[in-house]
Amino acid sequence: MKRFSWFNATSLTLGFAFLYVPMIILVVYSFNASKLVTVWAGFSTQWYGELIRNEEFLNAAWVTIKVAVMSSTIATVLGTMAAYVLVRAGRFNGRTLFSGMIYAPLVMPEVITGLSLLLLFIGIGLDRGVLTIVLAHTTFSMCYVSVVVSSRLVSFDKSLEEAALDLGCSPFEAFRLVTLPIIAPAVISGWLLAFTLSLDDLVIASFTTGPSATTLPIKIFSAVRLGVSPEINALSTIMIAIVTVGVITASLITKQAAVRQARDERMAERPA
């Protein structure tokens, strides 16, 4: 067994410090009483109160949450269907093209995705707003859901579906009553991942948004260009908290699913 050396400890510490120290500083200075974000003047929560009274930020937050919920829900449905086809349908004509189109947004630059969607919406005469942002976020987040659900379907025991079919279930009933409850943790994790990606997106939303729909990342970016204010720190702290809760929730769901699967496998191995 290899020992945990000082080199590994130092590398790990520097890596985590590089990632999280700026976030910790941002959170600390969100409770700063001074208007200057670089001068500490005492603990205060006044900027959270100012943030609550800022209608522009509240409207942008409502648009962001609405877009995230709708796009992540649609992406979860479509991503789950795509994952099921890729894993269960076997080889069929066009499978390589289909899988490539599903996974292309994973490696496609966001600028290219946003620009192509903008040209599409202009070409079909669709006014930019909440609908176009939802469609754009669904396009790039669906592939992440497909990856998460596919990894669970690959390890899924197909004999359970076959048993349900032998007992008289239709393919849809077998999926709804047997497959879906088992892969539900992966589906929920995919939804949370899609929700987080939509909540955080700036580049694609900036291409597909319109005057009637400004998301929170776009609003923050526009405000930061005029200088960082304590309200921005407070808002960023709230967004960090939301994303952290989502990541922890997804991790707990995945862990519980793994524990449940291991327990079921042990029970299945016991002699009758």
C-alpha atoms as a PDB file:
ATOM      1  CA  MET A   1       0.000   0.000   0.000  1.00  0.00           C
ATOM      2  CA  LYS A   2       1.474   3.365  -1.032  1.00  0.00           C
ATOM      3  CA  ARG A   3       2.025   5.994   1.641  1.00  0.00           C
ATOM      4  CA  PHE A   4       0.509   9.452   1.329  1.00  0.00           C
ATOM      5  CA  SER A   5       3.667  11.495   0.737  1.00  0.00           C
ATOM      6  CA  TRP A   6       4.277  15.155   1.506  1.00  0.00           C
ATOM      7  CA  PHE A   7       4.432  15.844  -2.232  1.00  0.00           C
ATOM      8  CA  ASN A   8       0.938  14.443  -2.735  1.00  0.00           C
ATOM      9  CA  ALA A   9      -0.388  16.359   0.277  1.00  0.00           C
ATOM     10  CA  THR A  10       1.156  19.616  -0.955  1.00  0.00           C
ATOM     11  CA  SER A  11      -0.143  19.134  -4.496  1.00  0.00           C
ATOM     12  CA  LEU A  12      -3.631  18.360  -3.214  1.00  0.00           C
ATOM     13  CA  THR A  13      -3.612  21.373  -0.879  1.00  0.00           C
ATOM     14  CA  LEU A  14      -2.441  23.764  -3.603  1.00  0.00           C
ATOM     15  CA  GLY A  15      -5.003  22.390  -6.036  1.00  0.00           C
ATOM     16  CA  PHE A  16      -7.914  22.824  -3.643  1.00  0.00           C
ATOM     17  CA  ALA A  17      -6.641  26.252  -2.601  1.00  0.00           C
ATOM     18  CA  PHE A  18      -6.484  27.385  -6.234  1.00  0.00           C
ATOM     19  CA  LEU A  19     -10.075  26.246  -6.774  1.00  0.00           C
ATOM     20  CA  TYR A  20     -11.826  27.258  -3.572  1.00  0.00           C
ATOM     21  CA  VAL A  21      -9.918  30.109  -1.891  1.00  0.00           C
ATOM     22  CA  PRO A  22     -11.363  32.713  -4.332  1.00  0.00           C
ATOM     23  CA  MET A  23     -14.870  31.421  -3.588  1.00  0.00           C
ATOM     24  CA  ILE A  24     -14.235  31.601   0.171  1.00  0.00           C
ATOM     25  CA  ILE A  25     -13.000  35.200  -0.167  1.00  0.00           C
ATOM     26  CA  LEU A  26     -16.100  36.079  -2.186  1.00  0.00           C
ATOM     27  CA  VAL A  27     -18.390  34.575   0.453  1.00  0.00           C
ATOM     28  CA  VAL A  28     -16.569  36.366   3.293  1.00  0.00           C
ATOM     29  CA  TYR A  29     -16.712  39.760   1.575  1.00  0.00           C
ATOM     30  CA  SER A  30     -20.417  39.343   0.859  1.00  0.00           C
ATOM     31  CA  PHE A  31     -20.854  40.062   4.582  1.00  0.00           C
ATOM     32  CA  ASN A  32     -18.678  43.188   4.428  1.00  0.00           C
ATOM     33  CA  ALA A  33     -20.226  46.402   5.743  1.00  0.00           C
ATOM     34  CA  SER A  34     -18.179  48.562   3.378  1.00  0.00           C
ATOM     35  CA  LYS A  35     -19.209  49.479  -0.150  1.00  0.00           C
ATOM     36  CA  LEU A  36     -15.622  48.816  -1.215  1.00  0.00           C
ATOM     37  CA  VAL A  37     -15.277  45.107  -1.919  1.00  0.00           C
ATOM     38  CA  THR A  38     -11.564  45.117  -1.081  1.00  0.00           C
ATOM     39  CA  VAL A  39     -11.770  46.921   2.290  1.00  0.00           C
ATOM     40  CA  TRP A  40     -13.138  45.054   5.302  1.00  0.00           C
ATOM     41  CA  ALA A  41     -15.262  47.310   7.509  1.00  0.00           C
ATOM     42  CA  GLY A  42     -17.008  44.786   9.747  1.00  0.00           C
ATOM     43  CA  PHE A  43     -19.630  42.060   9.541  1.00  0.00           C
ATOM     44  CA  SER A  44     -22.984  42.997   8.028  1.00  0.00           C
ATOM     45  CA  THR A  45     -25.848  41.403   6.118  1.00  0.00           C
ATOM     46  CA  GLN A  46     -27.111  44.668   4.663  1.00  0.00           C
ATOM     47  CA  TRP A  47     -26.167  43.736   1.092  1.00  0.00           C
ATOM     48  CA  TYR A  48     -28.430  40.706   1.211  1.00  0.00           C
ATOM     49  CA  GLY A  49     -31.241  43.067   2.151  1.00  0.00           C
ATOM     50  CA  GLU A  50     -30.304  45.391  -0.704  1.00  0.00           C
ATOM     51  CA  LEU A  51     -30.276  42.409  -3.023  1.00  0.00           C
ATOM     52  CA  ILE A  52     -33.794  41.383  -2.009  1.00  0.00           C
ATOM     53  CA  ARG A  53     -35.033  44.903  -2.790  1.00  0.00           C
ATOM     54  CA  ASN A  54     -33.345  44.967  -6.212  1.00  0.00           C
ATOM     55  CA  GLU A  55     -36.136  44.212  -8.689  1.00  0.00           C
ATOM     56  CA  GLU A  56     -33.799  43.816 -11.665  1.00  0.00           C
ATOM     57  CA  PHE A  57     -31.865  41.006  -9.992  1.00  0.00           C
ATOM     58  CA  LEU A  58     -35.072  39.404  -8.726  1.00  0.00           C
ATOM     59  CA  ASN A  59     -36.624  39.398 -12.199  1.00  0.00           C
ATOM     60  CA  ALA A  60     -33.442  37.938 -13.686  1.00  0.00           C
ATOM     61  CA  ALA A  61     -33.366  35.280 -10.959  1.00  0.00           C
ATOM     62  CA  TRP A  62     -36.981  34.323 -11.679  1.00  0.00           C
ATOM     63  CA  VAL A  63     -36.235  33.991 -15.411  1.00  0.00           C
ATOM     64  CA  THR A  64     -33.155  31.883 -14.648  1.00  0.00           C
ATOM     65  CA  ILE A  65     -35.013  29.506 -12.325  1.00  0.00           C
ATOM     66  CA  LYS A  66     -37.931  29.179 -14.752  1.00  0.00           C
ATOM     67  CA  VAL A  67     -35.591  28.413 -17.651  1.00  0.00           C
ATOM     68  CA  ALA A  68     -33.531  25.965 -15.557  1.00  0.00           C
ATOM     69  CA  VAL A  69     -36.573  23.996 -14.384  1.00  0.00           C
ATOM     70  CA  MET A  70     -38.157  23.726 -17.825  1.00  0.00           C
ATOM     71  CA  SER A  71     -34.961  22.975 -19.742  1.00  0.00           C
ATOM     72  CA  SER A  72     -33.685  20.412 -17.226  1.00  0.00           C
ATOM     73  CA  THR A  73     -37.046  18.620 -17.204  1.00  0.00           C
ATOM     74  CA  ILE A  74     -37.219  18.413 -21.009  1.00  0.00           C
ATOM     75  CA  ALA A  75     -33.540  17.448 -21.205  1.00  0.00           C
ATOM     76  CA  THR A  76     -34.074  14.678 -18.640  1.00  0.00           C
ATOM     77  CA  VAL A  77     -36.953  13.172 -20.614  1.00  0.00           C
ATOM     78  CA  LEU A  78     -35.148  13.342 -23.954  1.00  0.00           C
ATOM     79  CA  GLY A  79     -31.783  12.303 -22.500  1.00  0.00           C
ATOM     80  CA  THR A  80     -33.310   9.270 -20.778  1.00  0.00           C
ATOM     81  CA  MET A  81     -35.031   8.220 -24.001  1.00  0.00           C
ATOM     82  CA  ALA A  82     -31.797   8.626 -25.957  1.00  0.00           C
ATOM     83  CA  ALA A  83     -29.821   6.643 -23.381  1.00  0.00           C
ATOM     84  CA  TYR A  84     -32.388   3.832 -23.435  1.00  0.00           C
ATOM     85  CA  VAL A  85     -32.221   3.625 -27.227  1.00  0.00           C
ATOM     86  CA  LEU A  86     -28.406   3.590 -27.252  1.00  0.00           C
ATOM     87  CA  VAL A  87     -28.137   0.866 -24.600  1.00  0.00           C
ATOM     88  CA  ARG A  88     -31.161  -1.311 -25.325  1.00  0.00           C
ATOM     89  CA  ALA A  89     -31.760  -1.023 -29.064  1.00  0.00           C
ATOM     90  CA  GLY A  90     -28.506  -2.716 -30.042  1.00  0.00           C
ATOM     91  CA  ARG A  91     -27.079  -1.985 -33.457  1.00  0.00           C
ATOM     92  CA  PHE A  92     -29.331  -0.272 -35.986  1.00  0.00           C
ATOM     93  CA  ASN A  93     -28.881   1.801 -39.115  1.00  0.00           C
ATOM     94  CA  GLY A  94     -27.670   5.251 -38.183  1.00  0.00           C
ATOM     95  CA  ARG A  95     -26.646   4.336 -34.634  1.00  0.00           C
ATOM     96  CA  THR A  96     -23.181   5.865 -35.011  1.00  0.00           C
ATOM     97  CA  LEU A  97     -24.642   9.103 -36.372  1.00  0.00           C
ATOM     98  CA  PHE A  98     -27.275   9.155 -33.623  1.00  0.00           C
ATOM     99  CA  SER A  99     -24.748   8.670 -30.818  1.00  0.00           C
ATOM    100  CA  GLY A 100     -22.445  11.259 -32.374  1.00  0.00           C
ATOM    101  CA  MET A 101     -25.235  13.825 -32.491  1.00  0.00           C
ATOM    102  CA  ILE A 102     -26.111  13.090 -28.865  1.00  0.00           C
ATOM    103  CA  TYR A 103     -22.561  13.522 -27.584  1.00  0.00           C
ATOM    104  CA  ALA A 104     -21.452  16.341 -29.915  1.00  0.00           C
ATOM    105  CA  PRO A 105     -22.471  19.172 -27.516  1.00  0.00           C
ATOM    106  CA  LEU A 106     -20.061  17.719 -24.938  1.00  0.00           C
ATOM    107  CA  VAL A 107     -17.056  18.741 -27.043  1.00  0.00           C
ATOM    108  CA  MET A 108     -18.568  21.551 -29.083  1.00  0.00           C
ATOM    109  CA  PRO A 109     -17.416  25.064 -28.037  1.00  0.00           C
ATOM    110  CA  GLU A 110     -20.253  26.989 -26.426  1.00  0.00           C
ATOM    111  CA  VAL A 111     -19.701  29.927 -28.774  1.00  0.00           C
ATOM    112  CA  ILE A 112     -20.319  27.690 -31.799  1.00  0.00           C
ATOM    113  CA  THR A 113     -23.411  26.156 -30.197  1.00  0.00           C
ATOM    114  CA  GLY A 114     -24.832  29.543 -29.264  1.00  0.00           C
ATOM    115  CA  LEU A 115     -24.125  31.070 -32.676  1.00  0.00           C
ATOM    116  CA  SER A 116     -25.636  28.137 -34.580  1.00  0.00           C
ATOM    117  CA  LEU A 117     -28.781  28.251 -32.455  1.00  0.00           C
ATOM    118  CA  LEU A 118     -29.025  32.006 -32.952  1.00  0.00           C
ATOM    119  CA  LEU A 119     -28.878  31.551 -36.731  1.00  0.00           C
ATOM    120  CA  LEU A 120     -31.498  28.801 -36.491  1.00  0.00           C
ATOM    121  CA  PHE A 121     -33.922  30.968 -34.504  1.00  0.00           C
ATOM    122  CA  ILE A 122     -33.414  33.872 -36.892  1.00  0.00           C
ATOM    123  CA  GLY A 123     -33.892  31.573 -39.888  1.00  0.00           C
ATOM    124  CA  ILE A 124     -37.228  30.207 -38.670  1.00  0.00           C
ATOM    125  CA  GLY A 125     -38.417  33.623 -37.446  1.00  0.00           C
ATOM    126  CA  LEU A 126     -38.654  32.695 -33.758  1.00  0.00           C
ATOM    127  CA  ASP A 127     -38.491  35.702 -31.459  1.00  0.00           C
ATOM    128  CA  ARG A 128     -35.780  35.374 -28.839  1.00  0.00           C
ATOM    129  CA  GLY A 129     -36.946  35.084 -25.259  1.00  0.00           C
ATOM    130  CA  VAL A 130     -37.578  32.484 -22.592  1.00  0.00           C
ATOM    131  CA  LEU A 131     -38.576  29.830 -25.147  1.00  0.00           C
ATOM    132  CA  THR A 132     -35.369  30.133 -27.161  1.00  0.00           C
ATOM    133  CA  ILE A 133     -33.219  29.964 -24.024  1.00  0.00           C
ATOM    134  CA  VAL A 134     -35.090  26.840 -22.892  1.00  0.00           C
ATOM    135  CA  LEU A 135     -34.540  25.188 -26.272  1.00  0.00           C
ATOM    136  CA  ALA A 136     -30.860  26.129 -26.260  1.00  0.00           C
ATOM    137  CA  HIS A 137     -30.248  24.854 -22.717  1.00  0.00           C
ATOM    138  CA  THR A 138     -32.124  21.649 -23.504  1.00  0.00           C
ATOM    139  CA  THR A 139     -29.877  21.097 -26.522  1.00  0.00           C
ATOM    140  CA  PHE A 140     -26.584  21.131 -24.630  1.00  0.00           C
ATOM    141  CA  SER A 141     -27.725  19.639 -21.299  1.00  0.00           C
ATOM    142  CA  MET A 142     -29.544  16.650 -22.802  1.00  0.00           C
ATOM    143  CA  CYS A 143     -26.242  14.965 -23.649  1.00  0.00           C
ATOM    144  CA  TYR A 144     -25.086  15.138 -20.021  1.00  0.00           C
ATOM    145  CA  VAL A 145     -28.286  13.445 -18.884  1.00  0.00           C
ATOM    146  CA  SER A 146     -27.817  10.785 -21.547  1.00  0.00           C
ATOM    147  CA  VAL A 147     -24.298  10.016 -20.305  1.00  0.00           C
ATOM    148  CA  VAL A 148     -25.425   9.689 -16.677  1.00  0.00           C
ATOM    149  CA  VAL A 149     -28.428   7.490 -17.459  1.00  0.00           C
ATOM    150  CA  SER A 150     -26.484   5.347 -19.959  1.00  0.00           C
ATOM    151  CA  SER A 151     -23.871   4.493 -17.324  1.00  0.00           C
ATOM    152  CA  ARG A 152     -26.667   3.175 -15.077  1.00  0.00           C
ATOM    153  CA  LEU A 153     -28.445   1.256 -17.845  1.00  0.00           C
ATOM    154  CA  VAL A 154     -25.225  -0.523 -18.826  1.00  0.00           C
ATOM    155  CA  SER A 155     -24.968  -2.083 -15.351  1.00  0.00           C
ATOM    156  CA  PHE A 156     -28.715  -2.747 -15.152  1.00  0.00           C
ATOM    157  CA  ASP A 157     -29.784  -6.401 -15.063  1.00  0.00           C
ATOM    158  CA  LYS A 158     -31.817  -6.848 -18.240  1.00  0.00           C
ATOM    159  CA  SER A 159     -33.298 -10.102 -16.957  1.00  0.00           C
ATOM    160  CA  LEU A 160     -35.605  -8.074 -14.718  1.00  0.00           C
ATOM    161  CA  GLU A 161     -37.215  -6.499 -17.762  1.00  0.00           C
ATOM    162  CA  GLU A 162     -37.464  -9.879 -19.443  1.00  0.00           C
ATOM    163  CA  ALA A 163     -39.181 -11.320 -16.351  1.00  0.00           C
ATOM    164  CA  ALA A 164     -41.722  -8.488 -16.416  1.00  0.00           C
ATOM    165  CA  LEU A 165     -42.389  -9.143 -20.106  1.00  0.00           C
ATOM    166  CA  ASP A 166     -42.859 -12.863 -19.415  1.00  0.00           C
ATOM    167  CA  LEU A 167     -45.417 -11.980 -16.727  1.00  0.00           C
ATOM    168  CA  GLY A 168     -47.559 -10.105 -19.230  1.00  0.00           C
ATOM    169  CA  CYS A 169     -46.263  -6.538 -19.104  1.00  0.00           C
ATOM    170  CA  SER A 170     -46.004  -4.536 -22.283  1.00  0.00           C
ATOM    171  CA  PRO A 171     -42.586  -3.003 -23.091  1.00  0.00           C
ATOM    172  CA  PHE A 172     -43.807   0.386 -21.853  1.00  0.00           C
ATOM    173  CA  GLU A 173     -45.199  -1.108 -18.636  1.00  0.00           C
ATOM    174  CA  ALA A 174     -41.957  -3.003 -18.041  1.00  0.00           C
ATOM    175  CA  PHE A 175     -40.011   0.222 -18.428  1.00  0.00           C
ATOM    176  CA  ARG A 176     -42.392   2.203 -16.203  1.00  0.00           C
ATOM    177  CA  LEU A 177     -42.788  -0.399 -13.441  1.00  0.00           C
ATOM    178  CA  VAL A 178     -39.356  -2.050 -13.415  1.00  0.00           C
ATOM    179  CA  THR A 179     -36.665  -0.110 -15.244  1.00  0.00           C
ATOM    180  CA  LEU A 180     -37.566   3.460 -14.335  1.00  0.00           C
ATOM    181  CA  PRO A 181     -37.736   2.926 -10.531  1.00  0.00           C
ATOM    182  CA  ILE A 182     -34.312   1.247 -10.593  1.00  0.00           C
ATOM    183  CA  ILE A 183     -32.617   3.923 -12.705  1.00  0.00           C
ATOM    184  CA  ALA A 184     -34.476   6.753 -10.915  1.00  0.00           C
ATOM    185  CA  PRO A 185     -31.375   7.885  -8.937  1.00  0.00           C
ATOM    186  CA  ALA A 186     -29.471   8.326 -12.207  1.00  0.00           C
ATOM    187  CA  VAL A 187     -32.401  10.187 -13.748  1.00  0.00           C
ATOM    188  CA  ILE A 188     -32.610  12.513 -10.741  1.00  0.00           C
ATOM    189  CA  SER A 189     -28.851  13.063 -10.823  1.00  0.00           C
ATOM    190  CA  GLY A 190     -29.102  13.911 -14.515  1.00  0.00           C
ATOM    191  CA  TRP A 191     -31.879  16.416 -13.791  1.00  0.00           C
ATOM    192  CA  LEU A 192     -29.838  18.091 -11.069  1.00  0.00           C
ATOM    193  CA  LEU A 193     -26.806  18.253 -13.359  1.00  0.00           C
ATOM    194  CA  ALA A 194     -28.874  19.779 -16.180  1.00  0.00           C
ATOM    195  CA  PHE A 195     -30.419  22.254 -13.722  1.00  0.00           C
ATOM    196  CA  THR A 196     -26.978  23.333 -12.499  1.00  0.00           C
ATOM    197  CA  LEU A 197     -25.623  23.729 -16.043  1.00  0.00           C
ATOM    198  CA  SER A 198     -28.611  25.853 -17.039  1.00  0.00           C
ATOM    199  CA  LEU A 199     -28.332  27.944 -13.887  1.00  0.00           C
ATOM    200  CA  ASP A 200     -24.681  28.679 -14.626  1.00  0.00           C
ATOM    201  CA  ASP A 201     -24.756  29.222 -18.397  1.00  0.00           C
ATOM    202  CA  LEU A 202     -23.705  32.589 -19.772  1.00  0.00           C
ATOM    203  CA  VAL A 203     -22.337  32.122 -23.298  1.00  0.00           C
ATOM    204  CA  ILE A 204     -25.209  30.228 -24.935  1.00  0.00           C
ATOM    205  CA  ALA A 205     -27.839  32.294 -23.119  1.00  0.00           C
ATOM    206  CA  SER A 206     -26.231  35.533 -24.318  1.00  0.00           C
ATOM    207  CA  PHE A 207     -26.705  34.391 -27.936  1.00  0.00           C
ATOM    208  CA  THR A 208     -30.276  33.152 -27.570  1.00  0.00           C
ATOM    209  CA  THR A 209     -31.802  35.650 -25.143  1.00  0.00           C
ATOM    210  CA  GLY A 210     -33.862  38.715 -26.015  1.00  0.00           C
ATOM    211  CA  PRO A 211     -34.826  42.017 -24.398  1.00  0.00           C
ATOM    212  CA  SER A 212     -37.731  40.376 -22.570  1.00  0.00           C
ATOM    213  CA  ALA A 213     -35.639  37.634 -20.941  1.00  0.00           C
ATOM    214  CA  THR A 214     -32.385  38.377 -19.112  1.00  0.00           C
ATOM    215  CA  THR A 215     -30.899  35.540 -17.103  1.00  0.00           C
ATOM    216  CA  LEU A 216     -29.003  36.024 -13.867  1.00  0.00           C
ATOM    217  CA  PRO A 217     -25.513  35.208 -15.255  1.00  0.00           C
ATOM    218  CA  ILE A 218     -26.033  37.780 -18.028  1.00  0.00           C
ATOM    219  CA  LYS A 219     -27.205  40.351 -15.485  1.00  0.00           C
ATOM    220  CA  ILE A 220     -24.198  39.677 -13.256  1.00  0.00           C
ATOM    221  CA  PHE A 221     -21.795  39.923 -16.186  1.00  0.00           C
ATOM    222  CA  SER A 222     -23.306  43.248 -17.268  1.00  0.00           C
ATOM    223  CA  ALA A 223     -23.110  44.617 -13.712  1.00  0.00           C
ATOM    224  CA  VAL A 224     -19.508  43.473 -13.163  1.00  0.00           C
ATOM    225  CA  ARG A 225     -18.358  45.370 -16.248  1.00  0.00           C
ATOM    226  CA  LEU A 226     -19.175  48.584 -14.352  1.00  0.00           C
ATOM    227  CA  GLY A 227     -17.376  47.376 -11.214  1.00  0.00           C
ATOM    228  CA  VAL A 228     -17.913  44.696  -8.587  1.00  0.00           C
ATOM    229  CA  SER A 229     -20.419  45.711  -5.916  1.00  0.00           C
ATOM    230  CA  PRO A 230     -21.161  44.002  -2.573  1.00  0.00           C
ATOM    231  CA  GLU A 231     -24.564  43.022  -3.967  1.00  0.00           C
ATOM    232  CA  ILE A 232     -22.793  40.959  -6.628  1.00  0.00           C
ATOM    233  CA  ASN A 233     -20.854  39.175  -3.873  1.00  0.00           C
ATOM    234  CA  ALA A 234     -24.079  38.428  -2.011  1.00  0.00           C
ATOM    235  CA  LEU A 235     -25.789  37.159  -5.145  1.00  0.00           C
ATOM    236  CA  SER A 236     -22.811  35.001  -6.072  1.00  0.00           C
ATOM    237  CA  THR A 237     -22.783  33.532  -2.570  1.00  0.00           C
ATOM    238  CA  ILE A 238     -26.425  32.524  -2.919  1.00  0.00           C
ATOM    239  CA  MET A 239     -25.715  30.899  -6.288  1.00  0.00           C
ATOM    240  CA  ILE A 240     -22.743  29.017  -4.815  1.00  0.00           C
ATOM    241  CA  ALA A 241     -25.003  27.755  -2.020  1.00  0.00           C
ATOM    242  CA  ILE A 242     -27.655  26.569  -4.496  1.00  0.00           C
ATOM    243  CA  VAL A 243     -25.122  24.747  -6.661  1.00  0.00           C
ATOM    244  CA  THR A 244     -23.466  23.206  -3.590  1.00  0.00           C
ATOM    245  CA  VAL A 245     -26.791  21.890  -2.327  1.00  0.00           C
ATOM    246  CA  GLY A 246     -27.520  20.430  -5.764  1.00  0.00           C
ATOM    247  CA  VAL A 247     -24.147  18.685  -5.991  1.00  0.00           C
ATOM    248  CA  ILE A 248     -24.417  17.273  -2.455  1.00  0.00           C
ATOM    249  CA  THR A 249     -27.958  16.081  -3.128  1.00  0.00           C
ATOM    250  CA  ALA A 250     -26.907  14.343  -6.352  1.00  0.00           C
ATOM    251  CA  SER A 251     -23.968  12.702  -4.549  1.00  0.00           C
ATOM    252  CA  LEU A 252     -26.191  11.441  -1.729  1.00  0.00           C
ATOM    253  CA  ILE A 253     -28.737  10.052  -4.181  1.00  0.00           C
ATOM    254  CA  THR A 254     -26.011   8.262  -6.132  1.00  0.00           C
ATOM    255  CA  LYS A 255     -24.479   6.867  -2.935  1.00  0.00           C
ATOM    256  CA  GLN A 256     -27.829   5.602  -1.647  1.00  0.00           C
ATOM    257  CA  ALA A 257     -28.499   3.964  -5.010  1.00  0.00           C
ATOM    258  CA  ALA A 258     -25.130   2.189  -4.895  1.00  0.00           C
ATOM    259  CA  VAL A 259     -25.780   0.985  -1.332  1.00  0.00           C
ATOM    260  CA  ARG A 260     -29.245  -0.229  -2.288  1.00  0.00           C
ATOM    261  CA  GLN A 261     -27.907  -2.052  -5.331  1.00  0.00           C
ATOM    262  CA  ALA A 262     -25.182  -3.757  -3.282  1.00  0.00           C
ATOM    263  CA  ARG A 263     -27.766  -4.821  -0.687  1.00  0.00           C
ATOM    264  CA  ASP A 264     -30.076  -6.228  -3.363  1.00  0.00           C
ATOM    265  CA  GLU A 265     -27.195  -8.149  -4.926  1.00  0.00           C
ATOM    266  CA  ARG A 266     -26.272  -9.672  -1.559  1.00  0.00           C
ATOM    267  CA  MET A 267     -29.861 -10.717  -0.954  1.00  0.00           C
ATOM    268  CA  ALA A 268     -30.067 -12.259  -4.420  1.00  0.00           C
ATOM    269  CA  GLU A 269     -26.935 -14.303  -3.776  1.00  0.00           C
ATOM    270  CA  ARG A 270     -28.315 -15.834  -0.562  1.00  0.00           C
ATOM    271  CA  PRO A 271     -29.532 -19.427  -0.929  1.00  0.00           C
ATOM    272  CA  ALA A 272     -33.285 -19.893  -0.909  1.00  0.00           C
END
